[in-house]
Amino acid sequence: GANITIPYKQDFIPLINKLSPLAERLHSVNTIKNVNGAFEGYNTDYAGIALTFELKNWQVKDKQAYILGSGGASLAIAHYLSDQGAQSVTIVSRSVGQKNGPWKYIDYAELKKHSGDFLVNCTPIGMYPDVDASPVDETVIAQFNYLFDMTYNPAVTKFLGIGNSLGKDTVNGLDMLVGQAIRSVEIWEERTFTQDEVLSILNYFRENWNGAK
């Protein structure tokens, strides 16, 4: 099997012979399993997102969420937030005309007029080597309570650093990265990791990951 990363999670779909129901609903594939020469496509980002929210004990029901970026990862978290009963999910995109799904789309200029509970960065802005960049500035970040940056290199991006300085509850994408990888291995090897095994793997990476160069 293999993993697929940005920006190919949607582009790869025409090459897949069979999509899992979740991958088809999300229109995003990040895991491929070779079954007798045929490609099966799965989405394990959803599982990584769910694990991140569970470990943070973040409650989504009736909350307002804004997602930066409109690629495959943003669709996965938009579905997750909607499935968990979010009051509203808004996707912030530079291409608001290219809508994919039932959510409201706004551009970055419009975002400055909004506030909410969750602000999720699904763009690569701020990832190494572009470590001095943030997808939004402090005035926007101040309008939200919970920050989730799906990037994980560096461990604390400028986006999260600003949030930390403002006393926001923050998390990077490491738990999601490891969580989706665990789910991918479960698919490839047709096995299930116990909760203790999952936490042991996560703790290993948390203790040893400071961001690659």
Protein backbone atom coordinates (compact mmCIF):
# COMPACT_ATOMS: atom_id res chain seq x y z
CA GLY A 1 0.00 0.00 0.00
CA ALA A 2 0.90 3.66 -0.07
CA ASN A 3 -0.05 7.02 1.38
CA ILE A 4 -0.91 10.09 -0.70
CA THR A 5 -0.29 13.61 0.54
CA ILE A 6 -1.21 17.12 -0.57
CA PRO A 7 -1.93 18.21 -3.23
CA TYR A 8 -2.86 14.83 -4.76
CA LYS A 9 -5.63 13.52 -2.50
CA GLN A 10 -8.32 14.36 -5.02
CA ASP A 11 -6.26 14.13 -8.22
CA PHE A 12 -5.49 10.48 -7.56
CA ILE A 13 -9.15 9.37 -7.42
CA PRO A 14 -9.52 8.59 -11.17
CA LEU A 15 -6.70 6.03 -10.79
CA ILE A 16 -8.51 4.12 -8.04
CA ASN A 17 -10.49 0.98 -8.89
CA LYS A 18 -12.66 1.01 -5.76
CA LEU A 19 -13.32 3.73 -3.19
CA SER A 20 -14.35 3.09 0.40
CA PRO A 21 -17.70 4.69 1.32
CA LEU A 22 -15.90 7.30 3.44
CA ALA A 23 -13.38 8.19 0.73
CA GLU A 24 -16.22 8.51 -1.76
CA ARG A 25 -18.21 10.77 0.58
CA LEU A 26 -15.18 12.94 1.33
CA HIS A 27 -13.98 12.85 -2.30
CA SER A 28 -10.47 12.51 -0.91
CA VAL A 29 -8.03 9.57 -0.86
CA ASN A 30 -4.86 9.43 1.22
CA THR A 31 -4.42 5.65 1.54
CA ILE A 32 -4.17 3.04 -1.23
CA LYS A 33 -4.29 -0.71 -0.77
CA ASN A 34 -3.20 -3.03 -3.56
CA VAL A 35 -5.61 -5.97 -3.68
CA ASN A 36 -4.57 -8.47 -6.35
CA GLY A 37 -3.43 -5.68 -8.63
CA ALA A 38 -6.48 -3.46 -8.09
CA PHE A 39 -6.23 -0.20 -6.14
CA GLU A 40 -8.63 0.38 -3.25
CA GLY A 41 -8.79 3.95 -1.96
CA TYR A 42 -9.41 4.99 1.62
CA ASN A 43 -9.43 8.16 3.69
CA THR A 44 -7.71 7.84 7.07
CA ASP A 45 -7.38 11.60 7.64
CA TYR A 46 -10.87 11.43 9.14
CA ALA A 47 -9.67 8.95 11.78
CA GLY A 48 -6.63 11.12 12.55
CA ILE A 49 -8.85 14.18 12.95
CA ALA A 50 -11.23 12.30 15.24
CA LEU A 51 -8.31 11.10 17.38
CA THR A 52 -6.96 14.65 17.70
CA PHE A 53 -10.29 16.04 18.88
CA GLU A 54 -10.82 13.13 21.28
CA LEU A 55 -7.39 13.54 22.88
CA LYS A 56 -7.93 17.31 23.25
CA ASN A 57 -11.44 16.66 24.61
CA TRP A 58 -12.73 19.33 22.25
CA GLN A 59 -16.52 19.38 22.04
CA VAL A 60 -17.82 20.27 18.59
CA LYS A 61 -21.60 20.18 19.01
CA ASP A 62 -23.24 23.59 18.44
CA LYS A 63 -19.85 25.24 17.86
CA GLN A 64 -18.82 27.48 14.94
CA ALA A 65 -15.84 26.31 12.92
CA TYR A 66 -13.78 27.97 10.19
CA ILE A 67 -11.40 26.03 7.96
CA LEU A 68 -8.50 27.64 6.10
CA GLY A 69 -7.99 25.98 2.71
CA SER A 70 -10.26 23.93 0.48
CA GLY A 71 -8.23 20.82 -0.41
CA GLY A 72 -8.74 17.19 0.57
CA ALA A 73 -7.80 17.65 4.23
CA SER A 74 -10.23 20.54 4.62
CA LEU A 75 -13.08 18.41 3.22
CA ALA A 76 -12.23 15.64 5.69
CA ILE A 77 -12.42 17.95 8.68
CA ALA A 78 -15.50 19.74 7.32
CA HIS A 79 -17.30 16.40 7.22
CA TYR A 80 -16.04 15.46 10.68
CA LEU A 81 -17.20 18.74 12.22
CA SER A 82 -20.60 18.47 10.53
CA ASP A 83 -20.94 14.84 11.64
CA GLN A 84 -20.22 15.91 15.22
CA GLY A 85 -23.01 18.48 15.20
CA ALA A 86 -21.17 21.76 14.62
CA GLN A 87 -23.59 24.68 14.40
CA SER A 88 -21.80 25.96 11.31
CA VAL A 89 -18.77 25.09 9.18
CA THR A 90 -17.26 27.76 6.94
CA ILE A 91 -14.44 27.15 4.47
CA VAL A 92 -12.07 30.03 3.78
CA SER A 93 -10.57 29.87 0.31
CA ARG A 94 -8.82 32.03 -2.24
CA SER A 95 -11.12 30.39 -4.83
CA VAL A 96 -14.59 30.82 -3.33
CA GLY A 97 -16.17 30.08 -6.70
CA GLN A 98 -14.93 26.48 -6.62
CA LYS A 99 -17.30 25.10 -4.00
CA ASN A 100 -17.29 21.45 -3.00
CA GLY A 101 -19.98 20.46 -0.52
CA PRO A 102 -22.79 22.13 1.39
CA TRP A 103 -20.67 24.47 3.47
CA LYS A 104 -20.46 28.22 3.27
CA TYR A 105 -17.40 29.53 1.44
CA ILE A 106 -15.81 32.93 2.12
CA ASP A 107 -12.50 34.54 1.16
CA TYR A 108 -9.76 35.74 3.50
CA ALA A 109 -10.89 39.36 3.39
CA GLU A 110 -14.38 38.33 4.51
CA LEU A 111 -12.92 36.21 7.34
CA LYS A 112 -11.72 39.36 9.10
CA LYS A 113 -15.37 40.19 9.81
CA HIS A 114 -16.08 36.81 11.43
CA SER A 115 -15.45 35.14 14.78
CA GLY A 116 -16.09 31.63 16.06
CA ASP A 117 -14.90 28.71 18.17
CA PHE A 118 -12.56 26.63 16.00
CA LEU A 119 -10.03 27.87 13.46
CA VAL A 120 -8.32 25.08 11.49
CA ASN A 121 -5.36 25.58 9.16
CA CYS A 122 -5.43 23.08 6.28
CA THR A 123 -2.98 25.02 4.14
CA PRO A 124 0.80 24.37 4.01
CA ILE A 125 1.50 27.99 4.98
CA GLY A 126 3.88 28.06 7.93
CA MET A 127 5.37 24.64 7.25
CA TYR A 128 9.16 24.33 7.00
CA PRO A 129 10.97 26.07 5.38
CA ASP A 130 8.35 28.87 5.31
CA VAL A 131 8.36 29.08 9.11
CA ASP A 132 7.88 32.85 9.38
CA ALA A 133 4.51 32.80 7.61
CA SER A 134 1.00 32.40 8.98
CA PRO A 135 -2.17 31.97 6.89
CA VAL A 136 -3.88 34.68 8.97
CA ASP A 137 -2.67 37.42 11.29
CA GLU A 138 -3.15 38.04 15.01
CA THR A 139 -6.33 40.07 14.58
CA VAL A 140 -8.05 37.06 13.00
CA ILE A 141 -6.59 34.49 15.41
CA ALA A 142 -7.80 36.57 18.37
CA GLN A 143 -11.39 35.99 17.23
CA PHE A 144 -11.26 32.22 17.89
CA ASN A 145 -10.83 29.98 20.94
CA TYR A 146 -9.37 26.74 19.56
CA LEU A 147 -6.61 26.50 16.95
CA PHE A 148 -5.76 23.34 15.01
CA ASP A 149 -2.82 23.52 12.59
CA MET A 150 -2.66 20.39 10.47
CA THR A 151 1.01 21.03 9.74
CA TYR A 152 3.53 19.53 12.16
CA ASN A 153 6.87 20.88 10.99
CA PRO A 154 7.82 22.95 12.94
CA ALA A 155 6.03 21.60 16.01
CA VAL A 156 4.89 25.16 16.84
CA THR A 157 4.10 27.11 13.69
CA LYS A 158 3.79 30.88 13.69
CA PHE A 159 0.00 30.37 13.53
CA LEU A 160 0.06 28.34 16.75
CA GLY A 161 2.69 30.56 18.34
CA ILE A 162 0.42 33.58 17.97
CA GLY A 163 -2.44 31.54 19.41
CA ASN A 164 -0.33 30.46 22.38
CA SER A 165 0.64 34.07 23.10
CA LEU A 166 -3.07 34.93 23.17
CA GLY A 167 -3.90 32.08 25.55
CA LYS A 168 -5.75 29.98 22.96
CA ASP A 169 -6.10 26.20 23.19
CA THR A 170 -3.90 24.85 20.37
CA VAL A 171 -2.78 21.61 18.75
CA ASN A 172 -0.56 20.81 15.78
CA GLY A 173 -0.99 18.05 13.20
CA LEU A 174 1.29 15.43 14.74
CA ASP A 175 -1.48 13.43 16.43
CA MET A 176 -3.46 13.54 13.19
CA LEU A 177 -0.42 12.43 11.17
CA VAL A 178 0.30 9.50 13.46
CA GLY A 179 -3.39 8.66 13.85
CA GLN A 180 -4.01 8.46 10.11
CA ALA A 181 -0.84 6.37 9.69
CA ILE A 182 -2.03 3.91 12.33
CA ARG A 183 -5.37 3.58 10.57
CA SER A 184 -3.56 3.06 7.24
CA VAL A 185 -1.53 0.20 8.71
CA GLU A 186 -4.74 -1.31 10.09
CA ILE A 187 -6.15 -1.30 6.55
CA TRP A 188 -3.02 -2.72 4.92
CA GLU A 189 -2.39 -5.41 7.53
CA GLU A 190 -6.06 -6.08 8.38
CA ARG A 191 -5.44 -5.65 12.10
CA THR A 192 -6.62 -3.36 14.89
CA PHE A 193 -4.41 -1.45 17.31
CA THR A 194 -5.57 -1.28 20.92
CA GLN A 195 -6.06 2.11 22.58
CA ASP A 196 -2.97 1.47 24.71
CA GLU A 197 -0.91 0.75 21.58
CA VAL A 198 -2.17 3.91 19.91
CA LEU A 199 -1.28 6.05 22.95
CA SER A 200 2.14 4.41 23.22
CA ILE A 201 2.92 5.21 19.58
CA LEU A 202 1.64 8.77 19.95
CA ASN A 203 3.70 9.36 23.11
CA TYR A 204 6.82 8.12 21.37
CA PHE A 205 6.46 10.66 18.57
CA ARG A 206 5.43 13.46 20.92
CA GLU A 207 8.60 12.93 22.94
CA ASN A 208 10.91 12.61 19.96
CA TRP A 209 9.45 15.03 17.38
CA ASN A 210 10.71 18.61 17.26
CA GLY A 211 10.20 19.21 13.57
CA ALA A 212 12.31 17.89 10.71
CA LYS A 213 14.50 20.04 8.52
